[in-house]
N, C-alpha and C. Protein backbone atom coordinates (compact mmCIF):
# COMPACT_ATOMS: atom_id res chain seq x y z
N UNK A 1 -211.79 100.24 32.32
CA UNK A 1 -210.45 99.23 32.75
C UNK A 1 -209.12 99.21 32.95
N UNK A 2 -208.57 98.65 33.19
CA UNK A 2 -206.90 98.24 33.65
C UNK A 2 -206.67 97.61 32.69
N UNK A 3 -205.51 97.56 32.21
CA UNK A 3 -204.59 96.90 30.95
C UNK A 3 -204.76 95.43 31.12
N UNK A 4 -205.09 94.80 32.47
CA UNK A 4 -205.21 93.74 32.60
C UNK A 4 -206.14 93.01 31.90
N UNK A 5 -207.40 94.08 32.22
CA UNK A 5 -208.43 93.63 31.94
C UNK A 5 -208.83 93.44 30.43
N UNK A 6 -208.15 94.91 29.71
CA UNK A 6 -208.44 95.14 28.19
C UNK A 6 -208.37 94.28 27.48
N UNK A 7 -206.95 93.50 28.20
CA UNK A 7 -206.30 92.05 27.64
C UNK A 7 -206.65 91.32 27.85
N UNK A 8 -207.33 90.62 28.68
CA UNK A 8 -208.20 89.55 28.88
C UNK A 8 -209.18 89.65 27.53
N UNK A 9 -210.15 90.72 27.98
CA UNK A 9 -211.28 90.86 27.16
C UNK A 9 -210.69 90.77 25.27
N UNK A 10 -209.91 90.88 25.47
CA UNK A 10 -209.46 90.89 23.84
C UNK A 10 -209.47 89.92 23.29
N UNK A 11 -208.90 88.82 24.52
CA UNK A 11 -208.30 87.43 23.97
C UNK A 11 -209.74 87.13 24.08
N UNK A 12 -210.59 87.44 24.81
CA UNK A 12 -212.20 86.42 24.88
C UNK A 12 -212.69 86.77 22.80
N UNK A 13 -212.64 87.98 22.95
CA UNK A 13 -212.90 88.12 21.42
C UNK A 13 -211.83 87.92 20.29
N UNK A 14 -211.34 87.58 19.96
CA UNK A 14 -210.32 86.88 19.30
C UNK A 14 -209.37 87.32 18.67
N UNK A 15 -207.94 86.25 18.47
CA UNK A 15 -206.71 86.68 17.79
C UNK A 15 -206.30 87.73 17.57
N UNK A 16 -207.01 88.39 16.82
CA UNK A 16 -206.28 89.74 16.01
C UNK A 16 -206.73 91.07 16.92
N UNK A 17 -207.94 91.14 17.86
CA UNK A 17 -208.07 91.98 19.41
C UNK A 17 -206.61 91.93 20.46
N UNK A 18 -206.23 90.63 20.89
CA UNK A 18 -205.83 90.66 21.25
C UNK A 18 -204.52 90.95 21.12
N UNK A 19 -204.54 90.75 19.41
CA UNK A 19 -202.32 91.23 19.02
C UNK A 19 -203.06 92.23 19.30
N UNK A 20 -203.56 93.28 18.56
CA UNK A 20 -203.70 94.19 18.79
C UNK A 20 -203.65 95.36 20.70
N UNK A 21 -204.45 94.26 21.00
CA UNK A 21 -204.43 94.55 22.30
C UNK A 21 -203.06 94.92 23.17
N UNK A 22 -202.34 93.75 23.07
CA UNK A 22 -201.21 93.43 23.25
C UNK A 22 -200.53 94.79 22.64
N UNK A 23 -200.08 95.08 22.18
CA UNK A 23 -199.14 96.18 21.47
C UNK A 23 -199.22 97.21 22.00
N UNK A 24 -200.49 97.73 22.48
CA UNK A 24 -201.44 98.92 22.37
C UNK A 24 -200.90 98.77 24.30
N UNK A 25 -200.29 97.45 24.45
CA UNK A 25 -200.67 97.92 26.18
C UNK A 25 -198.37 98.13 26.67
N UNK A 26 -198.18 97.05 25.68
CA UNK A 26 -196.64 97.04 25.68
C UNK A 26 -196.64 98.76 25.48
N UNK A 27 -196.92 99.39 24.55
CA UNK A 27 -196.44 100.97 23.96
C UNK A 27 -197.01 101.91 24.46
N UNK A 28 -198.10 102.07 25.41
CA UNK A 28 -199.26 102.86 25.55
C UNK A 28 -198.87 102.76 27.15
N UNK A 29 -199.29 102.14 27.72
CA UNK A 29 -199.37 101.23 29.05
C UNK A 29 -198.03 100.82 29.86
N UNK A 30 -196.90 100.32 29.47
CA UNK A 30 -195.88 100.00 30.42
C UNK A 30 -195.19 100.85 29.74
N UNK A 31 -194.93 101.40 28.27
CA UNK A 31 -194.04 102.20 28.15
C UNK A 31 -192.63 100.79 27.11
N UNK A 32 -193.07 99.29 27.17
CA UNK A 32 -191.30 98.84 27.60
C UNK A 32 -191.29 98.05 25.23
N UNK A 33 -190.47 97.51 25.72
CA UNK A 33 -190.03 97.59 24.32
C UNK A 33 -190.44 95.83 24.55
N UNK A 34 -190.82 94.65 23.98
CA UNK A 34 -191.33 93.57 23.65
C UNK A 34 -190.01 92.41 24.01
N UNK A 35 -188.73 92.60 23.87
CA UNK A 35 -188.05 92.06 24.76
C UNK A 35 -188.28 92.28 26.17
N UNK A 36 -188.34 93.42 26.72
CA UNK A 36 -188.20 93.49 27.93
C UNK A 36 -189.45 93.08 28.67
N UNK A 37 -190.46 93.12 27.70
CA UNK A 37 -191.82 92.65 28.07
C UNK A 37 -191.14 91.57 28.52
N UNK A 38 -190.57 90.82 27.50
CA UNK A 38 -190.87 88.97 27.40
C UNK A 38 -189.95 88.74 28.49
N UNK A 39 -189.25 89.27 28.87
CA UNK A 39 -188.41 89.25 30.30
C UNK A 39 -189.11 89.17 31.54
N UNK A 40 -189.48 90.27 31.50
CA UNK A 40 -190.34 90.66 32.58
C UNK A 40 -191.85 89.80 32.47
N UNK A 41 -192.15 88.94 31.63
CA UNK A 41 -193.63 88.01 31.83
C UNK A 41 -193.26 86.54 31.97
N UNK A 42 -191.74 86.41 32.17
CA UNK A 42 -191.01 84.70 32.22
C UNK A 42 -191.33 83.89 30.86
N UNK A 43 -191.16 85.38 29.50
CA UNK A 43 -191.38 84.26 28.06
C UNK A 43 -190.46 84.40 27.63
N UNK A 44 -190.19 83.31 26.26
CA UNK A 44 -189.29 83.99 25.13
C UNK A 44 -189.34 84.90 24.48
N UNK A 45 -188.25 86.27 23.46
CA UNK A 45 -188.96 87.28 23.04
C UNK A 45 -189.37 86.44 22.06
N UNK A 46 -188.97 85.13 21.40
CA UNK A 46 -189.19 85.10 19.96
C UNK A 46 -191.39 84.46 20.22
N UNK A 47 -191.62 84.85 21.50
CA UNK A 47 -192.91 83.95 21.41
C UNK A 47 -193.60 85.54 21.58
N UNK A 48 -192.61 86.90 22.25
CA UNK A 48 -193.98 87.55 22.08
C UNK A 48 -193.61 87.93 20.44
N UNK A 49 -192.82 87.95 20.06
CA UNK A 49 -192.57 88.78 18.74
C UNK A 49 -193.43 87.88 17.43
N UNK A 50 -193.07 85.96 18.08
CA UNK A 50 -194.66 86.03 17.16
C UNK A 50 -196.40 86.28 17.36
N UNK A 51 -196.08 86.93 18.79
CA UNK A 51 -197.28 86.85 19.28
C UNK A 51 -197.72 88.53 18.62
N UNK A 52 -196.94 89.38 18.20
CA UNK A 52 -197.86 90.37 17.62
C UNK A 52 -197.24 90.35 17.12
N UNK A 53 -196.57 89.78 16.16
CA UNK A 53 -197.16 89.06 14.70
C UNK A 53 -197.94 88.47 13.55
N UNK A 54 -198.63 88.34 14.77
CA UNK A 54 -200.02 87.18 14.29
C UNK A 54 -199.27 85.58 14.14
N UNK A 55 -198.26 85.69 14.48
CA UNK A 55 -197.78 84.05 14.22
C UNK A 55 -197.76 82.94 15.23
N UNK A 56 -198.66 83.60 16.27
CA UNK A 56 -198.50 82.78 17.42
C UNK A 56 -199.58 83.00 18.15
N UNK A 57 -200.55 81.73 18.65
CA UNK A 57 -201.37 82.77 19.81
C UNK A 57 -201.05 81.96 21.12
N UNK A 58 -201.18 82.87 21.51
CA UNK A 58 -201.07 82.52 23.84
C UNK A 58 -201.40 81.29 24.17
N UNK A 59 -201.48 79.99 24.78
CA UNK A 59 -202.35 79.62 24.92
C UNK A 59 -202.45 79.70 26.61
N UNK A 60 -203.03 78.86 27.71
CA UNK A 60 -203.95 79.49 29.07
C UNK A 60 -202.65 79.75 29.90
N UNK A 61 -201.45 79.32 29.54
CA UNK A 61 -200.39 79.53 30.39
C UNK A 61 -199.78 81.01 29.61
N UNK A 62 -199.29 81.19 29.08
CA UNK A 62 -198.92 82.19 28.25
C UNK A 62 -199.34 83.36 28.58
N UNK A 63 -201.03 83.05 28.74
CA UNK A 63 -201.69 84.53 29.09
C UNK A 63 -201.78 85.06 30.06
N UNK A 64 -201.96 83.88 31.20
CA UNK A 64 -201.58 83.77 32.30
C UNK A 64 -200.16 84.51 32.58
N UNK A 65 -199.39 83.77 32.54
CA UNK A 65 -198.03 85.26 32.52
C UNK A 65 -197.99 86.65 32.44
N UNK A 66 -198.66 87.12 30.82
CA UNK A 66 -198.61 88.25 30.53
C UNK A 66 -200.07 89.32 31.65
N UNK A 67 -201.03 88.18 31.44
CA UNK A 67 -201.62 89.43 32.73
C UNK A 67 -200.76 89.22 34.08
N UNK A 68 -200.06 88.69 34.59
CA UNK A 68 -199.54 89.09 35.59
C UNK A 68 -198.35 89.66 35.38
N UNK A 69 -197.48 89.90 34.77
CA UNK A 69 -196.90 90.56 33.84
C UNK A 69 -196.83 92.60 33.53
N UNK A 70 -198.55 92.78 33.16
CA UNK A 70 -199.14 93.50 32.86
C UNK A 70 -199.80 93.88 34.35
N UNK A 71 -200.02 93.53 35.43
CA UNK A 71 -200.19 93.88 37.00
C UNK A 71 -199.22 94.66 37.18
N UNK A 72 -198.32 93.89 37.24
CA UNK A 72 -196.65 93.81 38.23
C UNK A 72 -196.24 95.58 37.88
């Protein structure tokens, strides 16, 4: 599977799965910091940091932005 597919499956599995997969994709697949990824995805830095820490869960629009940024 591709990184974007992995993220989508993780989102279906649950919040913790999505958080862990997002962290893995940023580090291993993209080699990006949360700050760089936020800029690439058109999201606020705090949004990405909160998702990575488990303090926030993505809504549908945010999930779309994340998947599109990973696809590019």
